[in-house]
Amino acid sequence: EDYIDGYLDNCVDAIRTRHGIDQINLLGICQGGVFSLCYAATHPEKIKNLITMVAPVDFHVKGTAGCGLLNSWCQSM
């Protein structure tokens, strides 16, 4: 919570303010991808595009392969 709603949110706001933009493109690699997903889920109004690379995230709901929300979202892209 401190990292995502504190440090990361402060950095995003600083970039938005400095460049005079409402939303940013966010890229997260590995564990940073997980943090980026969490941040984008809690602050969607600040994110224009989200890119994750080799993020250790399971897109399936246990016992219902292919039915998870993230899986459905990715399949519709």
PDB file of N, CA and C in Angstrom:
ATOM      1  N   GLU A   1       0.828  -1.191   0.000  1.00  0.00           N
ATOM      2  CA  GLU A   1       0.000   0.000   0.000  1.00  0.00           C
ATOM      3  C   GLU A   1       0.870   1.252   0.000  1.00  0.00           C
ATOM      4  N   ASP A   2       1.913   1.275   0.819  1.00  0.00           N
ATOM      5  CA  ASP A   2       2.799   2.445   0.839  1.00  0.00           C
ATOM      6  C   ASP A   2       3.458   2.662  -0.511  1.00  0.00           C
ATOM      7  N   TYR A   3       3.872   1.579  -1.146  1.00  0.00           N
ATOM      8  CA  TYR A   3       4.572   1.695  -2.421  1.00  0.00           C
ATOM      9  C   TYR A   3       3.628   2.167  -3.524  1.00  0.00           C
ATOM     10  N   ILE A   4       2.462   1.514  -3.639  1.00  0.00           N
ATOM     11  CA  ILE A   4       1.546   1.822  -4.739  1.00  0.00           C
ATOM     12  C   ILE A   4       0.815   3.142  -4.521  1.00  0.00           C
ATOM     13  N   ASP A   5       0.216   3.321  -3.356  1.00  0.00           N
ATOM     14  CA  ASP A   5      -0.562   4.540  -3.102  1.00  0.00           C
ATOM     15  C   ASP A   5       0.294   5.692  -2.595  1.00  0.00           C
ATOM     16  N   GLY A   6       1.543   5.412  -2.291  1.00  0.00           N
ATOM     17  CA  GLY A   6       2.441   6.458  -1.827  1.00  0.00           C
ATOM     18  C   GLY A   6       3.449   6.827  -2.891  1.00  0.00           C
ATOM     19  N   TYR A   7       4.536   6.055  -2.946  1.00  0.00           N
ATOM     20  CA  TYR A   7       5.636   6.367  -3.857  1.00  0.00           C
ATOM     21  C   TYR A   7       5.212   6.417  -5.321  1.00  0.00           C
ATOM     22  N   LEU A   8       4.555   5.361  -5.785  1.00  0.00           N
ATOM     23  CA  LEU A   8       4.188   5.288  -7.199  1.00  0.00           C
ATOM     24  C   LEU A   8       3.183   6.377  -7.570  1.00  0.00           C
ATOM     25  N   ASP A   9       2.192   6.594  -6.721  1.00  0.00           N
ATOM     26  CA  ASP A   9       1.193   7.628  -7.002  1.00  0.00           C
ATOM     27  C   ASP A   9       1.834   9.014  -7.033  1.00  0.00           C
ATOM     28  N   ASN A  10       2.768   9.268  -6.121  1.00  0.00           N
ATOM     29  CA  ASN A  10       3.463  10.560  -6.118  1.00  0.00           C
ATOM     30  C   ASN A  10       4.272  10.760  -7.395  1.00  0.00           C
ATOM     31  N   CYS A  11       4.938   9.701  -7.854  1.00  0.00           N
ATOM     32  CA  CYS A  11       5.717   9.787  -9.102  1.00  0.00           C
ATOM     33  C   CYS A  11       4.809  10.053 -10.298  1.00  0.00           C
ATOM     34  N   VAL A  12       3.702   9.334 -10.371  1.00  0.00           N
ATOM     35  CA  VAL A  12       2.760   9.518 -11.477  1.00  0.00           C
ATOM     36  C   VAL A  12       2.225  10.949 -11.471  1.00  0.00           C
ATOM     37  N   ASP A  13       1.848  11.444 -10.307  1.00  0.00           N
ATOM     38  CA  ASP A  13       1.329  12.814 -10.221  1.00  0.00           C
ATOM     39  C   ASP A  13       2.389  13.844 -10.606  1.00  0.00           C
ATOM     40  N   ALA A  14       3.638  13.608 -10.226  1.00  0.00           N
ATOM     41  CA  ALA A  14       4.717  14.534 -10.585  1.00  0.00           C
ATOM     42  C   ALA A  14       4.908  14.575 -12.099  1.00  0.00           C
ATOM     43  N   ILE A  15       4.861  13.422 -12.748  1.00  0.00           N
ATOM     44  CA  ILE A  15       5.002  13.367 -14.207  1.00  0.00           C
ATOM     45  C   ILE A  15       3.825  14.057 -14.884  1.00  0.00           C
ATOM     46  N   ARG A  16       2.622  13.787 -14.396  1.00  0.00           N
ATOM     47  CA  ARG A  16       1.425  14.402 -14.983  1.00  0.00           C
ATOM     48  C   ARG A  16       1.482  15.917 -14.857  1.00  0.00           C
ATOM     49  N   THR A  17       1.885  16.405 -13.690  1.00  0.00           N
ATOM     50  CA  THR A  17       1.958  17.841 -13.442  1.00  0.00           C
ATOM     51  C   THR A  17       3.045  18.492 -14.295  1.00  0.00           C
ATOM     52  N   ARG A  18       4.223  17.894 -14.294  1.00  0.00           N
ATOM     53  CA  ARG A  18       5.353  18.467 -15.039  1.00  0.00           C
ATOM     54  C   ARG A  18       5.065  18.572 -16.534  1.00  0.00           C
ATOM     55  N   HIS A  19       4.363  17.589 -17.084  1.00  0.00           N
ATOM     56  CA  HIS A  19       4.101  17.572 -18.520  1.00  0.00           C
ATOM     57  C   HIS A  19       2.707  18.086 -18.891  1.00  0.00           C
ATOM     58  N   GLY A  20       1.898  18.449 -17.895  1.00  0.00           N
ATOM     59  CA  GLY A  20       0.575  19.001 -18.158  1.00  0.00           C
ATOM     60  C   GLY A  20      -0.368  18.018 -18.839  1.00  0.00           C
ATOM     61  N   ILE A  21      -0.325  16.769 -18.412  1.00  0.00           N
ATOM     62  CA  ILE A  21      -1.177  15.734 -19.007  1.00  0.00           C
ATOM     63  C   ILE A  21      -2.058  15.100 -17.931  1.00  0.00           C
ATOM     64  N   ASP A  22      -3.181  14.550 -18.357  1.00  0.00           N
ATOM     65  CA  ASP A  22      -4.101  13.906 -17.422  1.00  0.00           C
ATOM     66  C   ASP A  22      -3.752  12.445 -17.172  1.00  0.00           C
ATOM     67  N   GLN A  23      -3.216  11.769 -18.190  1.00  0.00           N
ATOM     68  CA  GLN A  23      -2.931  10.338 -18.088  1.00  0.00           C
ATOM     69  C   GLN A  23      -1.535  10.036 -18.623  1.00  0.00           C
ATOM     70  N   ILE A  24      -0.943   8.952 -18.095  1.00  0.00           N
ATOM     71  CA  ILE A  24       0.385   8.534 -18.543  1.00  0.00           C
ATOM     72  C   ILE A  24       0.327   7.122 -19.118  1.00  0.00           C
ATOM     73  N   ASN A  25       1.369   6.773 -19.861  1.00  0.00           N
ATOM     74  CA  ASN A  25       1.582   5.398 -20.288  1.00  0.00           C
ATOM     75  C   ASN A  25       2.439   4.746 -19.209  1.00  0.00           C
ATOM     76  N   LEU A  26       2.028   3.592 -18.723  1.00  0.00           N
ATOM     77  CA  LEU A  26       2.721   2.933 -17.623  1.00  0.00           C
ATOM     78  C   LEU A  26       3.250   1.583 -18.080  1.00  0.00           C
ATOM     79  N   LEU A  27       4.559   1.358 -17.890  1.00  0.00           N
ATOM     80  CA  LEU A  27       5.209   0.105 -18.254  1.00  0.00           C
ATOM     81  C   LEU A  27       5.788  -0.522 -17.001  1.00  0.00           C
ATOM     82  N   GLY A  28       5.489  -1.800 -16.780  1.00  0.00           N
ATOM     83  CA  GLY A  28       6.044  -2.515 -15.643  1.00  0.00           C
ATOM     84  C   GLY A  28       6.667  -3.823 -16.086  1.00  0.00           C
ATOM     85  N   ILE A  29       7.875  -4.094 -15.594  1.00  0.00           N
ATOM     86  CA  ILE A  29       8.589  -5.318 -15.941  1.00  0.00           C
ATOM     87  C   ILE A  29       8.703  -6.192 -14.698  1.00  0.00           C
ATOM     88  N   CYS A  30       8.363  -7.461 -14.833  1.00  0.00           N
ATOM     89  CA  CYS A  30       8.416  -8.466 -13.777  1.00  0.00           C
ATOM     90  C   CYS A  30       7.559  -8.008 -12.581  1.00  0.00           C
ATOM     91  N   GLN A  31       8.149  -7.879 -11.401  1.00  0.00           N
ATOM     92  CA  GLN A  31       7.363  -7.473 -10.231  1.00  0.00           C
ATOM     93  C   GLN A  31       6.794  -6.070 -10.418  1.00  0.00           C
ATOM     94  N   GLY A  32       7.505  -5.230 -11.176  1.00  0.00           N
ATOM     95  CA  GLY A  32       6.978  -3.902 -11.497  1.00  0.00           C
ATOM     96  C   GLY A  32       5.698  -3.983 -12.304  1.00  0.00           C
ATOM     97  N   GLY A  33       5.554  -5.059 -13.078  1.00  0.00           N
ATOM     98  CA  GLY A  33       4.313  -5.283 -13.817  1.00  0.00           C
ATOM     99  C   GLY A  33       3.146  -5.552 -12.891  1.00  0.00           C
ATOM    100  N   VAL A  34       3.424  -6.280 -11.817  1.00  0.00           N
ATOM    101  CA  VAL A  34       2.380  -6.546 -10.820  1.00  0.00           C
ATOM    102  C   VAL A  34       1.979  -5.242 -10.141  1.00  0.00           C
ATOM    103  N   PHE A  35       2.974  -4.448  -9.743  1.00  0.00           N
ATOM    104  CA  PHE A  35       2.677  -3.159  -9.119  1.00  0.00           C
ATOM    105  C   PHE A  35       1.917  -2.255 -10.086  1.00  0.00           C
ATOM    106  N   SER A  36       2.308  -2.276 -11.354  1.00  0.00           N
ATOM    107  CA  SER A  36       1.629  -1.463 -12.363  1.00  0.00           C
ATOM    108  C   SER A  36       0.178  -1.878 -12.538  1.00  0.00           C
ATOM    109  N   LEU A  37      -0.068  -3.195 -12.545  1.00  0.00           N
ATOM    110  CA  LEU A  37      -1.446  -3.692 -12.634  1.00  0.00           C
ATOM    111  C   LEU A  37      -2.277  -3.220 -11.448  1.00  0.00           C
ATOM    112  N   CYS A  38      -1.706  -3.334 -10.254  1.00  0.00           N
ATOM    113  CA  CYS A  38      -2.421  -2.890  -9.047  1.00  0.00           C
ATOM    114  C   CYS A  38      -2.692  -1.393  -9.103  1.00  0.00           C
ATOM    115  N   TYR A  39      -1.688  -0.624  -9.521  1.00  0.00           N
ATOM    116  CA  TYR A  39      -1.861   0.826  -9.600  1.00  0.00           C
ATOM    117  C   TYR A  39      -2.928   1.197 -10.624  1.00  0.00           C
ATOM    118  N   ALA A  40      -2.862   0.589 -11.803  1.00  0.00           N
ATOM    119  CA  ALA A  40      -3.838   0.891 -12.855  1.00  0.00           C
ATOM    120  C   ALA A  40      -5.253   0.512 -12.431  1.00  0.00           C
ATOM    121  N   ALA A  41      -5.378  -0.560 -11.658  1.00  0.00           N
ATOM    122  CA  ALA A  41      -6.701  -0.985 -11.188  1.00  0.00           C
ATOM    123  C   ALA A  41      -7.279  -0.007 -10.171  1.00  0.00           C
ATOM    124  N   THR A  42      -6.408   0.613  -9.375  1.00  0.00           N
ATOM    125  CA  THR A  42      -6.898   1.525  -8.336  1.00  0.00           C
ATOM    126  C   THR A  42      -6.920   2.988  -8.772  1.00  0.00           C
ATOM    127  N   HIS A  43      -6.221   3.317  -9.860  1.00  0.00           N
ATOM    128  CA  HIS A  43      -6.177   4.701 -10.358  1.00  0.00           C
ATOM    129  C   HIS A  43      -6.352   4.737 -11.881  1.00  0.00           C
ATOM    130  N   PRO A  44      -7.420   4.166 -12.406  1.00  0.00           N
ATOM    131  CA  PRO A  44      -7.573   4.096 -13.870  1.00  0.00           C
ATOM    132  C   PRO A  44      -7.662   5.465 -14.541  1.00  0.00           C
ATOM    133  N   GLU A  45      -8.080   6.469 -13.814  1.00  0.00           N
ATOM    134  CA  GLU A  45      -8.216   7.805 -14.391  1.00  0.00           C
ATOM    135  C   GLU A  45      -6.860   8.438 -14.724  1.00  0.00           C
ATOM    136  N   LYS A  46      -5.776   7.891 -14.174  1.00  0.00           N
ATOM    137  CA  LYS A  46      -4.438   8.446 -14.401  1.00  0.00           C
ATOM    138  C   LYS A  46      -3.636   7.671 -15.445  1.00  0.00           C
ATOM    139  N   ILE A  47      -4.182   6.561 -15.937  1.00  0.00           N
ATOM    140  CA  ILE A  47      -3.446   5.680 -16.844  1.00  0.00           C
ATOM    141  C   ILE A  47      -4.076   5.675 -18.232  1.00  0.00           C
ATOM    142  N   LYS A  48      -3.277   6.015 -19.237  1.00  0.00           N
ATOM    143  CA  LYS A  48      -3.737   5.979 -20.627  1.00  0.00           C
ATOM    144  C   LYS A  48      -3.542   4.583 -21.210  1.00  0.00           C
ATOM    145  N   ASN A  49      -2.341   4.033 -21.054  1.00  0.00           N
ATOM    146  CA  ASN A  49      -2.006   2.699 -21.548  1.00  0.00           C
ATOM    147  C   ASN A  49      -1.202   1.966 -20.485  1.00  0.00           C
ATOM    148  N   LEU A  50      -1.440   0.672 -20.370  1.00  0.00           N
ATOM    149  CA  LEU A  50      -0.708  -0.169 -19.425  1.00  0.00           C
ATOM    150  C   LEU A  50      -0.004  -1.271 -20.198  1.00  0.00           C
ATOM    151  N   ILE A  51       1.305  -1.381 -19.989  1.00  0.00           N
ATOM    152  CA  ILE A  51       2.093  -2.426 -20.620  1.00  0.00           C
ATOM    153  C   ILE A  51       2.790  -3.208 -19.516  1.00  0.00           C
ATOM    154  N   THR A  52       2.631  -4.524 -19.511  1.00  0.00           N
ATOM    155  CA  THR A  52       3.356  -5.364 -18.562  1.00  0.00           C
ATOM    156  C   THR A  52       4.198  -6.358 -19.347  1.00  0.00           C
ATOM    157  N   MET A  53       5.388  -6.612 -18.837  1.00  0.00           N
ATOM    158  CA  MET A  53       6.298  -7.559 -19.483  1.00  0.00           C
ATOM    159  C   MET A  53       6.772  -8.561 -18.436  1.00  0.00           C
ATOM    160  N   VAL A  54       6.668  -9.811 -18.754  1.00  0.00           N
ATOM    161  CA  VAL A  54       7.045 -10.942 -17.896  1.00  0.00           C
ATOM    162  C   VAL A  54       6.570 -10.766 -16.450  1.00  0.00           C
ATOM    163  N   ALA A  55       5.363 -10.251 -16.292  1.00  0.00           N
ATOM    164  CA  ALA A  55       4.783 -10.066 -14.956  1.00  0.00           C
ATOM    165  C   ALA A  55       4.228 -11.401 -14.461  1.00  0.00           C
ATOM    166  N   PRO A  56       4.591 -11.811 -13.254  1.00  0.00           N
ATOM    167  CA  PRO A  56       4.114 -13.090 -12.723  1.00  0.00           C
ATOM    168  C   PRO A  56       2.667 -13.005 -12.237  1.00  0.00           C
ATOM    169  N   VAL A  57       1.751 -12.892 -13.198  1.00  0.00           N
ATOM    170  CA  VAL A  57       0.331 -12.754 -12.871  1.00  0.00           C
ATOM    171  C   VAL A  57      -0.430 -13.890 -13.531  1.00  0.00           C
ATOM    172  N   ASP A  58      -1.265 -14.571 -12.767  1.00  0.00           N
ATOM    173  CA  ASP A  58      -2.097 -15.651 -13.286  1.00  0.00           C
ATOM    174  C   ASP A  58      -3.433 -15.043 -13.694  1.00  0.00           C
ATOM    175  N   PHE A  59      -3.774 -15.146 -14.964  1.00  0.00           N
ATOM    176  CA  PHE A  59      -4.988 -14.542 -15.492  1.00  0.00           C
ATOM    177  C   PHE A  59      -6.208 -15.451 -15.376  1.00  0.00           C
ATOM    178  N   HIS A  60      -6.074 -16.590 -14.728  1.00  0.00           N
ATOM    179  CA  HIS A  60      -7.187 -17.526 -14.575  1.00  0.00           C
ATOM    180  C   HIS A  60      -7.726 -17.504 -13.146  1.00  0.00           C
ATOM    181  N   VAL A  61      -8.994 -17.774 -13.008  1.00  0.00           N
ATOM    182  CA  VAL A  61      -9.602 -17.965 -11.696  1.00  0.00           C
ATOM    183  C   VAL A  61      -9.473 -19.447 -11.389  1.00  0.00           C
ATOM    184  N   LYS A  62      -9.037 -19.788 -10.194  1.00  0.00           N
ATOM    185  CA  LYS A  62      -8.802 -21.183  -9.830  1.00  0.00           C
ATOM    186  C   LYS A  62     -10.032 -22.045 -10.130  1.00  0.00           C
ATOM    187  N   GLY A  63      -9.803 -23.111 -10.873  1.00  0.00           N
ATOM    188  CA  GLY A  63     -10.878 -24.054 -11.177  1.00  0.00           C
ATOM    189  C   GLY A  63     -11.732 -23.672 -12.368  1.00  0.00           C
ATOM    190  N   THR A  64     -11.520 -22.481 -12.909  1.00  0.00           N
ATOM    191  CA  THR A  64     -12.324 -22.042 -14.060  1.00  0.00           C
ATOM    192  C   THR A  64     -11.412 -21.416 -15.103  1.00  0.00           C
ATOM    193  N   ALA A  65     -10.518 -22.217 -15.661  1.00  0.00           N
ATOM    194  CA  ALA A  65      -9.553 -21.713 -16.641  1.00  0.00           C
ATOM    195  C   ALA A  65     -10.253 -20.952 -17.758  1.00  0.00           C
ATOM    196  N   GLY A  66      -9.710 -19.799 -18.067  1.00  0.00           N
ATOM    197  CA  GLY A  66     -10.268 -18.990 -19.143  1.00  0.00           C
ATOM    198  C   GLY A  66     -11.419 -18.095 -18.734  1.00  0.00           C
ATOM    199  N   CYS A  67     -11.815 -18.120 -17.474  1.00  0.00           N
ATOM    200  CA  CYS A  67     -12.977 -17.340 -17.039  1.00  0.00           C
ATOM    201  C   CYS A  67     -12.612 -16.168 -16.137  1.00  0.00           C
ATOM    202  N   GLY A  68     -11.312 -15.970 -15.856  1.00  0.00           N
ATOM    203  CA  GLY A  68     -10.906 -14.871 -14.997  1.00  0.00           C
ATOM    204  C   GLY A  68     -11.139 -13.527 -15.666  1.00  0.00           C
ATOM    205  N   LEU A  69     -11.358 -12.491 -14.879  1.00  0.00           N
ATOM    206  CA  LEU A  69     -11.623 -11.156 -15.408  1.00  0.00           C
ATOM    207  C   LEU A  69     -10.457 -10.658 -16.253  1.00  0.00           C
ATOM    208  N   LEU A  70      -9.221 -10.809 -15.751  1.00  0.00           N
ATOM    209  CA  LEU A  70      -8.069 -10.367 -16.523  1.00  0.00           C
ATOM    210  C   LEU A  70      -7.934 -11.158 -17.813  1.00  0.00           C
ATOM    211  N   ASN A  71      -8.236 -12.460 -17.759  1.00  0.00           N
ATOM    212  CA  ASN A  71      -8.184 -13.296 -18.957  1.00  0.00           C
ATOM    213  C   ASN A  71      -9.193 -12.802 -19.984  1.00  0.00           C
ATOM    214  N   SER A  72     -10.409 -12.566 -19.557  1.00  0.00           N
ATOM    215  CA  SER A  72     -11.461 -12.087 -20.466  1.00  0.00           C
ATOM    216  C   SER A  72     -11.089 -10.744 -21.073  1.00  0.00           C
ATOM    217  N   TRP A  73     -10.531  -9.864 -20.255  1.00  0.00           N
ATOM    218  CA  TRP A  73     -10.130  -8.544 -20.712  1.00  0.00           C
ATOM    219  C   TRP A  73      -9.044  -8.661 -21.779  1.00  0.00           C
ATOM    220  N   CYS A  74      -8.020  -9.478 -21.510  1.00  0.00           N
ATOM    221  CA  CYS A  74      -6.922  -9.644 -22.469  1.00  0.00           C
ATOM    222  C   CYS A  74      -7.390 -10.296 -23.760  1.00  0.00           C
ATOM    223  N   GLN A  75      -8.289 -11.261 -23.668  1.00  0.00           N
ATOM    224  CA  GLN A  75      -8.782 -11.944 -24.860  1.00  0.00           C
ATOM    225  C   GLN A  75      -9.602 -11.011 -25.751  1.00  0.00           C
ATOM    226  N   SER A  76     -10.200  -9.977 -25.173  1.00  0.00           N
ATOM    227  CA  SER A  76     -11.040  -9.070 -25.955  1.00  0.00           C
ATOM    228  C   SER A  76     -10.242  -7.928 -26.588  1.00  0.00           C
ATOM    229  N   MET A  77      -8.947  -7.853 -26.301  1.00  0.00           N
ATOM    230  CA  MET A  77      -8.106  -6.774 -26.837  1.00  0.00           C
ATOM    231  C   MET A  77      -7.745  -7.024 -28.281  1.00  0.00           C
TER     232      MET A  77
END
